[in-house]
């Protein structure tokens, strides 16, 4: 007990009144980080072990070795139960969000949650170190200590989510801006005698310089059609990956044109015209919002100089008159 009292006294003297609490929290966080890999380590399934040892053919052994090498390449695979959501709907939503942001790898969800956990933990430790240093050199308030310790951790945890949301917004905006031009090119290709599959490949090649995200989507659609996947499912998957209302409407038009046997060229002509009109409307909408946005800046930059010019001489004359009468 005397040793604990001495340690408590030293912490209170050098760190402050919250020194013991900060020390206990710091030690607890270190212990959690040290024991977490051991707790999350997966045990090998006995059935998998039995199947691996019972295989006698060289082809099966080579396949097993290939799977082991691919698992070894993914260092975070053994932490998938901790890093990936357990709920299937939540996992699908996270997966779709990352795909719409441009991250299509199979371990994108795992890497996203690992980035949140790693950045949150590292910045939380940085905040605790800063709090200990501030307590040793000064006397900060309780609110300042809490904000300095928890604030960096919260920022580190939310930073990957902010980055993914920003990437998703930028990618959807790029697809929206380039979609009318791609429809015009596709209409020209179809009217020239090419099939829809060939026109999609040609459009992907032409628009890659200006709209790479949309070109990637068209390339993926072309590859899936070549692989023999149903065209309806391919187009619906494209609308889900893009997450843009214009693409969803376009996919609906193509599916209906295919089901009812109408001309794809006519459907493309009508829809491309609507997309051009819609793009003009979006430009006009942004132009109409400019006066409202410029009102505040105009008032801040013009009203103060105007008041100085108009009222300044009068204020100076009144001040001179008052100073002369007092004298």
C-alpha atoms as a PDB file:
ATOM      1  CA  UNK A   1       0.000   0.000   0.000  1.00  0.00           C
ATOM      2  CA  UNK A   2       2.861   2.384   0.734  1.00  0.00           C
ATOM      3  CA  UNK A   3       4.275   1.790  -2.744  1.00  0.00           C
ATOM      4  CA  UNK A   4       0.892   2.518  -4.320  1.00  0.00           C
ATOM      5  CA  UNK A   5       0.563   5.672  -2.256  1.00  0.00           C
ATOM      6  CA  UNK A   6       4.013   6.809  -3.333  1.00  0.00           C
ATOM      7  CA  UNK A   7       3.217   6.143  -7.004  1.00  0.00           C
ATOM      8  CA  UNK A   8      -0.090   7.970  -6.616  1.00  0.00           C
ATOM      9  CA  UNK A   9       1.689  10.903  -5.024  1.00  0.00           C
ATOM     10  CA  UNK A  10       4.280  11.063  -7.800  1.00  0.00           C
ATOM     11  CA  UNK A  11       1.625  10.959 -10.501  1.00  0.00           C
ATOM     12  CA  UNK A  12      -0.391  13.653  -8.784  1.00  0.00           C
ATOM     13  CA  UNK A  13       2.678  15.812  -8.331  1.00  0.00           C
ATOM     14  CA  UNK A  14       4.062  15.574 -11.876  1.00  0.00           C
ATOM     15  CA  UNK A  15       0.928  15.021 -13.978  1.00  0.00           C
ATOM     16  CA  UNK A  16      -1.844  16.624 -11.966  1.00  0.00           C
ATOM     17  CA  UNK A  17      -4.932  15.536 -10.064  1.00  0.00           C
ATOM     18  CA  UNK A  18      -5.986  13.284 -12.949  1.00  0.00           C
ATOM     19  CA  UNK A  19      -2.586  11.610 -13.162  1.00  0.00           C
ATOM     20  CA  UNK A  20      -3.651   8.209 -11.710  1.00  0.00           C
ATOM     21  CA  UNK A  21      -6.697   8.059 -13.990  1.00  0.00           C
ATOM     22  CA  UNK A  22      -4.620   8.897 -17.065  1.00  0.00           C
ATOM     23  CA  UNK A  23      -1.984   6.320 -16.130  1.00  0.00           C
ATOM     24  CA  UNK A  24      -4.586   3.578 -15.611  1.00  0.00           C
ATOM     25  CA  UNK A  25      -6.269   4.396 -18.917  1.00  0.00           C
ATOM     26  CA  UNK A  26      -2.937   4.427 -20.754  1.00  0.00           C
ATOM     27  CA  UNK A  27      -1.907   1.061 -19.298  1.00  0.00           C
ATOM     28  CA  UNK A  28      -5.325  -0.420 -20.061  1.00  0.00           C
ATOM     29  CA  UNK A  29      -5.116   0.687 -23.686  1.00  0.00           C
ATOM     30  CA  UNK A  30      -1.630  -0.816 -24.044  1.00  0.00           C
ATOM     31  CA  UNK A  31      -2.814  -4.122 -22.566  1.00  0.00           C
ATOM     32  CA  UNK A  32      -5.790  -4.241 -24.917  1.00  0.00           C
ATOM     33  CA  UNK A  33      -3.583  -3.568 -27.944  1.00  0.00           C
ATOM     34  CA  UNK A  34      -1.128  -6.261 -26.842  1.00  0.00           C
ATOM     35  CA  UNK A  35      -3.741  -8.945 -26.204  1.00  0.00           C
ATOM     36  CA  UNK A  36      -5.955  -8.173 -29.178  1.00  0.00           C
ATOM     37  CA  UNK A  37      -3.927 -10.144 -31.795  1.00  0.00           C
ATOM     38  CA  UNK A  38      -3.894 -13.220 -29.584  1.00  0.00           C
ATOM     39  CA  UNK A  39      -7.641 -13.061 -28.985  1.00  0.00           C
ATOM     40  CA  UNK A  40      -8.471 -12.496 -32.647  1.00  0.00           C
ATOM     41  CA  UNK A  41      -6.199 -15.209 -33.987  1.00  0.00           C
ATOM     42  CA  UNK A  42      -8.272 -17.890 -35.688  1.00  0.00           C
ATOM     43  CA  UNK A  43      -7.832 -21.517 -34.750  1.00  0.00           C
ATOM     44  CA  UNK A  44      -7.604 -23.992 -37.554  1.00  0.00           C
ATOM     45  CA  UNK A  45     -10.753 -25.952 -38.225  1.00  0.00           C
ATOM     46  CA  UNK A  46     -10.219 -29.705 -37.544  1.00  0.00           C
ATOM     47  CA  UNK A  47     -12.171 -30.587 -40.706  1.00  0.00           C
ATOM     48  CA  UNK A  48      -9.915 -28.391 -42.809  1.00  0.00           C
ATOM     49  CA  UNK A  49      -6.872 -30.021 -41.261  1.00  0.00           C
ATOM     50  CA  UNK A  50      -8.279 -33.491 -41.969  1.00  0.00           C
ATOM     51  CA  UNK A  51      -9.094 -32.599 -45.561  1.00  0.00           C
ATOM     52  CA  UNK A  52      -5.642 -31.159 -46.103  1.00  0.00           C
ATOM     53  CA  UNK A  53      -3.851 -34.224 -44.767  1.00  0.00           C
ATOM     54  CA  UNK A  54      -6.087 -36.696 -46.619  1.00  0.00           C
ATOM     55  CA  UNK A  55      -5.482 -35.246 -50.079  1.00  0.00           C
ATOM     56  CA  UNK A  56      -3.061 -37.395 -52.042  1.00  0.00           C
ATOM     57  CA  UNK A  57      -3.124 -36.015 -55.558  1.00  0.00           C
ATOM     58  CA  UNK A  58      -0.546 -33.486 -56.674  1.00  0.00           C
ATOM     59  CA  UNK A  59      -3.217 -31.270 -58.186  1.00  0.00           C
ATOM     60  CA  UNK A  60      -5.013 -31.001 -54.853  1.00  0.00           C
ATOM     61  CA  UNK A  61      -1.771 -30.252 -53.052  1.00  0.00           C
ATOM     62  CA  UNK A  62      -0.901 -27.519 -55.539  1.00  0.00           C
ATOM     63  CA  UNK A  63      -4.353 -25.977 -55.119  1.00  0.00           C
ATOM     64  CA  UNK A  64      -4.043 -26.083 -51.354  1.00  0.00           C
ATOM     65  CA  UNK A  65      -0.621 -24.443 -51.525  1.00  0.00           C
ATOM     66  CA  UNK A  66      -2.018 -21.735 -53.793  1.00  0.00           C
ATOM     67  CA  UNK A  67      -4.799 -20.980 -51.314  1.00  0.00           C
ATOM     68  CA  UNK A  68      -2.325 -20.867 -48.437  1.00  0.00           C
ATOM     69  CA  UNK A  69      -0.092 -18.449 -50.337  1.00  0.00           C
ATOM     70  CA  UNK A  70      -3.036 -16.205 -51.166  1.00  0.00           C
ATOM     71  CA  UNK A  71      -4.081 -16.274 -47.518  1.00  0.00           C
ATOM     72  CA  UNK A  72      -0.577 -15.434 -46.402  1.00  0.00           C
ATOM     73  CA  UNK A  73      -0.494 -12.473 -48.762  1.00  0.00           C
ATOM     74  CA  UNK A  74      -3.505 -10.985 -47.002  1.00  0.00           C
ATOM     75  CA  UNK A  75      -2.084 -10.146 -43.596  1.00  0.00           C
ATOM     76  CA  UNK A  76      -5.444  -9.053 -42.248  1.00  0.00           C
ATOM     77  CA  UNK A  77      -7.367 -12.212 -43.172  1.00  0.00           C
ATOM     78  CA  UNK A  78      -7.069 -13.690 -39.673  1.00  0.00           C
ATOM     79  CA  UNK A  79      -8.619 -10.530 -38.203  1.00  0.00           C
ATOM     80  CA  UNK A  80     -11.614 -10.571 -40.537  1.00  0.00           C
ATOM     81  CA  UNK A  81     -14.043 -11.461 -37.727  1.00  0.00           C
ATOM     82  CA  UNK A  82     -13.035  -8.292 -35.914  1.00  0.00           C
ATOM     83  CA  UNK A  83     -12.589  -5.953 -38.873  1.00  0.00           C
ATOM     84  CA  UNK A  84     -15.596  -6.964 -40.986  1.00  0.00           C
ATOM     85  CA  UNK A  85     -19.256  -6.448 -39.973  1.00  0.00           C
ATOM     86  CA  UNK A  86     -21.100  -9.568 -38.832  1.00  0.00           C
ATOM     87  CA  UNK A  87     -24.428  -8.476 -40.306  1.00  0.00           C
ATOM     88  CA  UNK A  88     -24.728  -9.376 -43.981  1.00  0.00           C
ATOM     89  CA  UNK A  89     -26.781  -6.278 -44.826  1.00  0.00           C
ATOM     90  CA  UNK A  90     -24.275  -3.994 -43.113  1.00  0.00           C
ATOM     91  CA  UNK A  91     -21.399  -5.708 -44.911  1.00  0.00           C
ATOM     92  CA  UNK A  92     -23.182  -5.376 -48.259  1.00  0.00           C
ATOM     93  CA  UNK A  93     -23.864  -1.681 -47.628  1.00  0.00           C
ATOM     94  CA  UNK A  94     -20.211  -1.039 -46.749  1.00  0.00           C
ATOM     95  CA  UNK A  95     -19.060  -3.032 -49.764  1.00  0.00           C
ATOM     96  CA  UNK A  96     -21.376  -1.108 -52.113  1.00  0.00           C
ATOM     97  CA  UNK A  97     -20.263   2.241 -50.686  1.00  0.00           C
ATOM     98  CA  UNK A  98     -16.609   1.385 -51.248  1.00  0.00           C
ATOM     99  CA  UNK A  99     -17.333   0.172 -54.784  1.00  0.00           C
ATOM    100  CA  UNK A 100     -19.115   3.444 -55.548  1.00  0.00           C
ATOM    101  CA  UNK A 101     -16.031   5.236 -54.225  1.00  0.00           C
ATOM    102  CA  UNK A 102     -13.802   3.265 -56.630  1.00  0.00           C
ATOM    103  CA  UNK A 103     -12.391   0.602 -54.273  1.00  0.00           C
ATOM    104  CA  UNK A 104     -13.285  -2.770 -55.805  1.00  0.00           C
ATOM    105  CA  UNK A 105     -10.780  -5.131 -54.159  1.00  0.00           C
ATOM    106  CA  UNK A 106     -12.186  -8.067 -52.212  1.00  0.00           C
ATOM    107  CA  UNK A 107     -10.605  -6.908 -48.947  1.00  0.00           C
ATOM    108  CA  UNK A 108     -11.681  -3.262 -49.280  1.00  0.00           C
ATOM    109  CA  UNK A 109     -14.118  -3.481 -46.347  1.00  0.00           C
ATOM    110  CA  UNK A 110     -11.444  -5.055 -44.176  1.00  0.00           C
ATOM    111  CA  UNK A 111      -8.897  -2.400 -45.061  1.00  0.00           C
ATOM    112  CA  UNK A 112     -11.411   0.372 -44.450  1.00  0.00           C
ATOM    113  CA  UNK A 113     -12.218  -0.786 -40.913  1.00  0.00           C
ATOM    114  CA  UNK A 114      -8.538  -1.465 -40.232  1.00  0.00           C
ATOM    115  CA  UNK A 115      -7.728   2.115 -41.254  1.00  0.00           C
ATOM    116  CA  UNK A 116     -10.398   3.393 -38.881  1.00  0.00           C
ATOM    117  CA  UNK A 117      -9.097   1.252 -36.007  1.00  0.00           C
ATOM    118  CA  UNK A 118      -5.417   2.018 -36.652  1.00  0.00           C
ATOM    119  CA  UNK A 119      -5.797   5.779 -37.098  1.00  0.00           C
ATOM    120  CA  UNK A 120      -8.151   6.029 -34.132  1.00  0.00           C
ATOM    121  CA  UNK A 121      -5.764   4.112 -31.842  1.00  0.00           C
ATOM    122  CA  UNK A 122      -2.625   5.965 -32.977  1.00  0.00           C
ATOM    123  CA  UNK A 123      -4.150   9.419 -32.636  1.00  0.00           C
ATOM    124  CA  UNK A 124      -5.677   8.459 -29.304  1.00  0.00           C
ATOM    125  CA  UNK A 125      -2.201   7.573 -28.038  1.00  0.00           C
ATOM    126  CA  UNK A 126      -0.890  10.865 -29.398  1.00  0.00           C
ATOM    127  CA  UNK A 127      -3.656  12.688 -27.540  1.00  0.00           C
ATOM    128  CA  UNK A 128      -2.849  10.889 -24.287  1.00  0.00           C
ATOM    129  CA  UNK A 129       0.846  11.728 -24.649  1.00  0.00           C
ATOM    130  CA  UNK A 130      -0.036  15.375 -25.235  1.00  0.00           C
ATOM    131  CA  UNK A 131      -2.299  15.408 -22.175  1.00  0.00           C
ATOM    132  CA  UNK A 132       0.476  13.951 -20.007  1.00  0.00           C
ATOM    133  CA  UNK A 133       2.932  16.534 -21.325  1.00  0.00           C
ATOM    134  CA  UNK A 134       0.471  19.386 -20.816  1.00  0.00           C
ATOM    135  CA  UNK A 135      -0.287  18.224 -17.271  1.00  0.00           C
ATOM    136  CA  UNK A 136       3.415  18.051 -16.456  1.00  0.00           C
ATOM    137  CA  UNK A 137       4.172  21.527 -17.849  1.00  0.00           C
ATOM    138  CA  UNK A 138       0.998  23.348 -16.843  1.00  0.00           C
ATOM    139  CA  UNK A 139      -2.398  23.063 -15.199  1.00  0.00           C
ATOM    140  CA  UNK A 140      -4.981  22.388 -17.947  1.00  0.00           C
ATOM    141  CA  UNK A 141      -8.688  22.174 -17.187  1.00  0.00           C
ATOM    142  CA  UNK A 142     -10.633  18.925 -17.170  1.00  0.00           C
ATOM    143  CA  UNK A 143     -12.499  19.834 -20.341  1.00  0.00           C
ATOM    144  CA  UNK A 144      -9.264  20.609 -22.145  1.00  0.00           C
ATOM    145  CA  UNK A 145      -7.747  17.288 -21.090  1.00  0.00           C
ATOM    146  CA  UNK A 146     -10.790  15.309 -22.245  1.00  0.00           C
ATOM    147  CA  UNK A 147     -10.931  17.093 -25.590  1.00  0.00           C
ATOM    148  CA  UNK A 148      -7.177  16.783 -26.158  1.00  0.00           C
ATOM    149  CA  UNK A 149      -7.213  13.044 -25.403  1.00  0.00           C
ATOM    150  CA  UNK A 150     -10.429  11.947 -27.126  1.00  0.00           C
ATOM    151  CA  UNK A 151     -10.524  14.503 -29.954  1.00  0.00           C
ATOM    152  CA  UNK A 152      -7.611  13.097 -32.010  1.00  0.00           C
ATOM    153  CA  UNK A 153      -8.958   9.560 -31.639  1.00  0.00           C
ATOM    154  CA  UNK A 154     -12.384  10.585 -32.920  1.00  0.00           C
ATOM    155  CA  UNK A 155     -10.792  12.477 -35.805  1.00  0.00           C
ATOM    156  CA  UNK A 156      -8.647   9.476 -36.729  1.00  0.00           C
ATOM    157  CA  UNK A 157     -11.660   7.152 -36.622  1.00  0.00           C
ATOM    158  CA  UNK A 158     -13.825   9.419 -38.791  1.00  0.00           C
ATOM    159  CA  UNK A 159     -11.097  10.405 -41.300  1.00  0.00           C
ATOM    160  CA  UNK A 160     -11.377   7.230 -43.493  1.00  0.00           C
ATOM    161  CA  UNK A 161     -15.155   7.576 -43.593  1.00  0.00           C
ATOM    162  CA  UNK A 162     -14.863  11.213 -44.670  1.00  0.00           C
ATOM    163  CA  UNK A 163     -12.350  10.256 -47.355  1.00  0.00           C
ATOM    164  CA  UNK A 164     -14.597   7.492 -48.741  1.00  0.00           C
ATOM    165  CA  UNK A 165     -17.635   9.800 -48.785  1.00  0.00           C
ATOM    166  CA  UNK A 166     -15.632  12.444 -50.605  1.00  0.00           C
ATOM    167  CA  UNK A 167     -14.346   9.957 -53.162  1.00  0.00           C
ATOM    168  CA  UNK A 168     -17.864   8.628 -53.696  1.00  0.00           C
ATOM    169  CA  UNK A 169     -19.242  12.134 -54.277  1.00  0.00           C
ATOM    170  CA  UNK A 170     -16.450  13.050 -56.704  1.00  0.00           C
ATOM    171  CA  UNK A 171     -16.850   9.817 -58.646  1.00  0.00           C
ATOM    172  CA  UNK A 172     -20.621  10.182 -58.933  1.00  0.00           C
ATOM    173  CA  UNK A 173     -20.208  13.776 -60.058  1.00  0.00           C
ATOM    174  CA  UNK A 174     -17.711  12.690 -62.716  1.00  0.00           C
ATOM    175  CA  UNK A 175     -20.094  10.000 -63.980  1.00  0.00           C
ATOM    176  CA  UNK A 176     -22.974  12.497 -64.054  1.00  0.00           C
ATOM    177  CA  UNK A 177     -20.949  15.025 -66.041  1.00  0.00           C
ATOM    178  CA  UNK A 178     -19.662  12.529 -68.590  1.00  0.00           C
ATOM    179  CA  UNK A 179     -22.802  10.465 -69.072  1.00  0.00           C
ATOM    180  CA  UNK A 180     -24.522  12.731 -71.686  1.00  0.00           C
ATOM    181  CA  UNK A 181     -21.401  12.729 -73.886  1.00  0.00           C
ATOM    182  CA  UNK A 182     -21.130   8.948 -73.615  1.00  0.00           C
ATOM    183  CA  UNK A 183     -24.758   8.560 -74.695  1.00  0.00           C
ATOM    184  CA  UNK A 184     -24.147  10.733 -77.766  1.00  0.00           C
ATOM    185  CA  UNK A 185     -21.136   8.602 -78.707  1.00  0.00           C
ATOM    186  CA  UNK A 186     -23.098   5.413 -78.100  1.00  0.00           C
ATOM    187  CA  UNK A 187     -25.937   6.665 -80.295  1.00  0.00           C
ATOM    188  CA  UNK A 188     -23.503   7.422 -83.124  1.00  0.00           C
ATOM    189  CA  UNK A 189     -21.972   3.941 -82.827  1.00  0.00           C
ATOM    190  CA  UNK A 190     -25.350   2.180 -82.807  1.00  0.00           C
ATOM    191  CA  UNK A 191     -26.629   4.174 -85.776  1.00  0.00           C
ATOM    192  CA  UNK A 192     -23.398   3.345 -87.619  1.00  0.00           C
ATOM    193  CA  UNK A 193     -24.288  -0.358 -87.428  1.00  0.00           C
ATOM    194  CA  UNK A 194     -22.388  -1.529 -84.345  1.00  0.00           C
ATOM    195  CA  UNK A 195     -24.034  -3.647 -81.668  1.00  0.00           C
ATOM    196  CA  UNK A 196     -24.598  -2.414 -78.147  1.00  0.00           C
ATOM    197  CA  UNK A 197     -21.644  -4.433 -76.837  1.00  0.00           C
ATOM    198  CA  UNK A 198     -19.273  -3.032 -79.450  1.00  0.00           C
ATOM    199  CA  UNK A 199     -20.528   0.509 -78.903  1.00  0.00           C
ATOM    200  CA  UNK A 200     -19.928   0.228 -75.146  1.00  0.00           C
ATOM    201  CA  UNK A 201     -16.325  -0.871 -75.763  1.00  0.00           C
ATOM    202  CA  UNK A 202     -15.749   1.970 -78.234  1.00  0.00           C
ATOM    203  CA  UNK A 203     -17.284   4.572 -75.914  1.00  0.00           C
ATOM    204  CA  UNK A 204     -15.107   3.354 -73.027  1.00  0.00           C
ATOM    205  CA  UNK A 205     -12.005   3.883 -75.161  1.00  0.00           C
ATOM    206  CA  UNK A 206     -13.033   7.359 -76.292  1.00  0.00           C
ATOM    207  CA  UNK A 207     -14.055   8.856 -72.938  1.00  0.00           C
ATOM    208  CA  UNK A 208     -11.249   7.444 -70.796  1.00  0.00           C
ATOM    209  CA  UNK A 209      -9.141  10.598 -71.100  1.00  0.00           C
ATOM    210  CA  UNK A 210     -11.870  12.852 -69.733  1.00  0.00           C
ATOM    211  CA  UNK A 211     -13.988  10.550 -67.539  1.00  0.00           C
ATOM    212  CA  UNK A 212     -11.955   7.534 -66.350  1.00  0.00           C
ATOM    213  CA  UNK A 213     -14.533   6.445 -63.747  1.00  0.00           C
ATOM    214  CA  UNK A 214     -17.286   6.129 -66.353  1.00  0.00           C
ATOM    215  CA  UNK A 215     -14.869   4.390 -68.733  1.00  0.00           C
ATOM    216  CA  UNK A 216     -14.076   1.815 -66.027  1.00  0.00           C
ATOM    217  CA  UNK A 217     -17.780   1.106 -65.583  1.00  0.00           C
ATOM    218  CA  UNK A 218     -18.288   0.594 -69.321  1.00  0.00           C
ATOM    219  CA  UNK A 219     -15.211  -1.653 -69.498  1.00  0.00           C
ATOM    220  CA  UNK A 220     -16.533  -3.778 -66.660  1.00  0.00           C
ATOM    221  CA  UNK A 221     -19.908  -4.058 -68.390  1.00  0.00           C
ATOM    222  CA  UNK A 222     -18.205  -5.130 -71.627  1.00  0.00           C
ATOM    223  CA  UNK A 223     -16.095  -7.777 -69.867  1.00  0.00           C
ATOM    224  CA  UNK A 224     -19.101  -9.198 -68.021  1.00  0.00           C
ATOM    225  CA  UNK A 225     -21.072  -9.425 -71.273  1.00  0.00           C
ATOM    226  CA  UNK A 226     -18.159 -11.214 -72.932  1.00  0.00           C
ATOM    227  CA  UNK A 227     -18.048 -13.652 -70.018  1.00  0.00           C
ATOM    228  CA  UNK A 228     -21.640 -14.658 -70.762  1.00  0.00           C
ATOM    229  CA  UNK A 229     -23.435 -12.958 -67.910  1.00  0.00           C
ATOM    230  CA  UNK A 230     -27.036 -11.982 -68.515  1.00  0.00           C
ATOM    231  CA  UNK A 231     -27.238  -8.509 -70.026  1.00  0.00           C
ATOM    232  CA  UNK A 232     -30.072  -7.422 -67.738  1.00  0.00           C
ATOM    233  CA  UNK A 233     -28.115  -8.336 -64.609  1.00  0.00           C
ATOM    234  CA  UNK A 234     -24.994  -6.665 -65.996  1.00  0.00           C
ATOM    235  CA  UNK A 235     -26.811  -3.384 -66.572  1.00  0.00           C
ATOM    236  CA  UNK A 236     -28.463  -3.481 -63.152  1.00  0.00           C
ATOM    237  CA  UNK A 237     -25.111  -4.130 -61.502  1.00  0.00           C
ATOM    238  CA  UNK A 238     -23.721  -1.114 -63.351  1.00  0.00           C
ATOM    239  CA  UNK A 239     -26.501   1.116 -61.987  1.00  0.00           C
ATOM    240  CA  UNK A 240     -25.792  -0.099 -58.436  1.00  0.00           C
ATOM    241  CA  UNK A 241     -22.054   0.465 -58.776  1.00  0.00           C
ATOM    242  CA  UNK A 242     -22.497   3.947 -60.193  1.00  0.00           C
ATOM    243  CA  UNK A 243     -25.117   5.123 -57.686  1.00  0.00           C
ATOM    244  CA  UNK A 244     -26.311   7.846 -60.110  1.00  0.00           C
ATOM    245  CA  UNK A 245     -29.956   8.402 -60.947  1.00  0.00           C
ATOM    246  CA  UNK A 246     -29.221   9.125 -64.621  1.00  0.00           C
ATOM    247  CA  UNK A 247     -27.477   5.772 -65.056  1.00  0.00           C
ATOM    248  CA  UNK A 248     -30.315   3.972 -63.277  1.00  0.00           C
ATOM    249  CA  UNK A 249     -32.876   5.541 -65.627  1.00  0.00           C
ATOM    250  CA  UNK A 250     -30.716   4.674 -68.632  1.00  0.00           C
ATOM    251  CA  UNK A 251     -30.479   1.051 -67.530  1.00  0.00           C
ATOM    252  CA  UNK A 252     -34.260   0.923 -67.102  1.00  0.00           C
ATOM    253  CA  UNK A 253     -34.722   2.276 -70.634  1.00  0.00           C
ATOM    254  CA  UNK A 254     -32.374  -0.322 -72.137  1.00  0.00           C
ATOM    255  CA  UNK A 255     -33.981  -3.190 -70.231  1.00  0.00           C
ATOM    256  CA  UNK A 256     -37.460  -2.136 -71.320  1.00  0.00           C
ATOM    257  CA  UNK A 257     -36.294  -1.692 -74.913  1.00  0.00           C
ATOM    258  CA  UNK A 258     -34.827  -5.192 -74.862  1.00  0.00           C
ATOM    259  CA  UNK A 259     -37.908  -6.762 -73.275  1.00  0.00           C
ATOM    260  CA  UNK A 260     -40.454  -5.097 -75.577  1.00  0.00           C
ATOM    261  CA  UNK A 261     -38.357  -5.433 -78.731  1.00  0.00           C
ATOM    262  CA  UNK A 262     -38.202  -1.736 -79.579  1.00  0.00           C
ATOM    263  CA  UNK A 263     -35.316  -0.047 -81.353  1.00  0.00           C
ATOM    264  CA  UNK A 264     -32.326   0.623 -79.113  1.00  0.00           C
ATOM    265  CA  UNK A 265     -31.214   3.458 -81.400  1.00  0.00           C
ATOM    266  CA  UNK A 266     -34.534   5.254 -80.974  1.00  0.00           C
ATOM    267  CA  UNK A 267     -34.418   4.800 -77.193  1.00  0.00           C
ATOM    268  CA  UNK A 268     -30.857   6.121 -77.107  1.00  0.00           C
ATOM    269  CA  UNK A 269     -31.795   9.116 -79.254  1.00  0.00           C
ATOM    270  CA  UNK A 270     -34.663  10.149 -76.980  1.00  0.00           C
ATOM    271  CA  UNK A 271     -32.759   9.550 -73.763  1.00  0.00           C
ATOM    272  CA  UNK A 272     -29.594  11.305 -75.010  1.00  0.00           C
ATOM    273  CA  UNK A 273     -31.690  14.357 -75.884  1.00  0.00           C
ATOM    274  CA  UNK A 274     -33.186  14.336 -72.388  1.00  0.00           C
ATOM    275  CA  UNK A 275     -29.724  14.055 -70.834  1.00  0.00           C
ATOM    276  CA  UNK A 276     -28.482  17.043 -72.833  1.00  0.00           C
ATOM    277  CA  UNK A 277     -31.474  19.101 -71.700  1.00  0.00           C
ATOM    278  CA  UNK A 278     -30.920  17.977 -68.134  1.00  0.00           C
ATOM    279  CA  UNK A 279     -27.265  19.006 -68.274  1.00  0.00           C
ATOM    280  CA  UNK A 280     -28.253  22.460 -69.508  1.00  0.00           C
ATOM    281  CA  UNK A 281     -30.781  22.723 -66.672  1.00  0.00           C
ATOM    282  CA  UNK A 282     -28.116  21.797 -64.119  1.00  0.00           C
ATOM    283  CA  UNK A 283     -25.801  24.464 -65.528  1.00  0.00           C
ATOM    284  CA  UNK A 284     -28.582  27.058 -65.398  1.00  0.00           C
ATOM    285  CA  UNK A 285     -29.388  26.065 -61.830  1.00  0.00           C
ATOM    286  CA  UNK A 286     -25.782  26.574 -60.753  1.00  0.00           C
ATOM    287  CA  UNK A 287     -25.680  29.901 -62.586  1.00  0.00           C
ATOM    288  CA  UNK A 288     -28.860  31.069 -60.837  1.00  0.00           C
ATOM    289  CA  UNK A 289     -27.376  30.331 -57.430  1.00  0.00           C
ATOM    290  CA  UNK A 290     -24.299  32.485 -58.069  1.00  0.00           C
ATOM    291  CA  UNK A 291     -25.950  35.865 -57.244  1.00  0.00           C
ATOM    292  CA  UNK A 292     -27.120  34.525 -53.898  1.00  0.00           C
ATOM    293  CA  UNK A 293     -23.670  33.205 -53.071  1.00  0.00           C
ATOM    294  CA  UNK A 294     -21.996  36.449 -54.153  1.00  0.00           C
ATOM    295  CA  UNK A 295     -24.314  38.700 -52.131  1.00  0.00           C
ATOM    296  CA  UNK A 296     -22.511  38.201 -48.832  1.00  0.00           C
ATOM    297  CA  UNK A 297     -19.049  38.621 -50.401  1.00  0.00           C
ATOM    298  CA  UNK A 298     -20.208  41.736 -52.239  1.00  0.00           C
ATOM    299  CA  UNK A 299     -21.604  43.284 -49.069  1.00  0.00           C
ATOM    300  CA  UNK A 300     -18.449  42.515 -47.094  1.00  0.00           C
ATOM    301  CA  UNK A 301     -16.143  43.967 -49.748  1.00  0.00           C
ATOM    302  CA  UNK A 302     -18.143  47.027 -50.821  1.00  0.00           C
ATOM    303  CA  UNK A 303     -20.221  48.229 -47.870  1.00  0.00           C
ATOM    304  CA  UNK A 304     -17.376  48.869 -45.371  1.00  0.00           C
ATOM    305  CA  UNK A 305     -15.282  50.970 -47.817  1.00  0.00           C
ATOM    306  CA  UNK A 306     -18.415  52.856 -48.866  1.00  0.00           C
ATOM    307  CA  UNK A 307     -19.292  53.646 -45.252  1.00  0.00           C
ATOM    308  CA  UNK A 308     -15.741  54.804 -44.595  1.00  0.00           C
ATOM    309  CA  UNK A 309     -15.849  57.131 -47.595  1.00  0.00           C
ATOM    310  CA  UNK A 310     -19.293  58.565 -46.788  1.00  0.00           C
ATOM    311  CA  UNK A 311     -19.294  58.693 -42.997  1.00  0.00           C
ATOM    312  CA  UNK A 312     -15.566  58.968 -42.326  1.00  0.00           C
ATOM    313  CA  UNK A 313     -15.199  62.758 -42.899  1.00  0.00           C
ATOM    314  CA  UNK A 314     -18.300  63.485 -40.818  1.00  0.00           C
ATOM    315  CA  UNK A 315     -17.043  61.360 -37.944  1.00  0.00           C
ATOM    316  CA  UNK A 316     -13.641  63.022 -38.139  1.00  0.00           C
ATOM    317  CA  UNK A 317     -15.222  66.519 -38.121  1.00  0.00           C
ATOM    318  CA  UNK A 318     -17.442  65.666 -35.134  1.00  0.00           C
ATOM    319  CA  UNK A 319     -14.429  64.295 -33.273  1.00  0.00           C
ATOM    320  CA  UNK A 320     -12.437  67.454 -33.985  1.00  0.00           C
ATOM    321  CA  UNK A 321     -15.332  69.656 -32.844  1.00  0.00           C
ATOM    322  CA  UNK A 322     -15.730  67.767 -29.589  1.00  0.00           C
ATOM    323  CA  UNK A 323     -12.024  67.859 -28.875  1.00  0.00           C
ATOM    324  CA  UNK A 324     -11.931  71.653 -29.571  1.00  0.00           C
ATOM    325  CA  UNK A 325     -14.912  72.390 -27.299  1.00  0.00           C
ATOM    326  CA  UNK A 326     -13.401  70.345 -24.497  1.00  0.00           C
ATOM    327  CA  UNK A 327     -10.148  72.194 -24.865  1.00  0.00           C
END
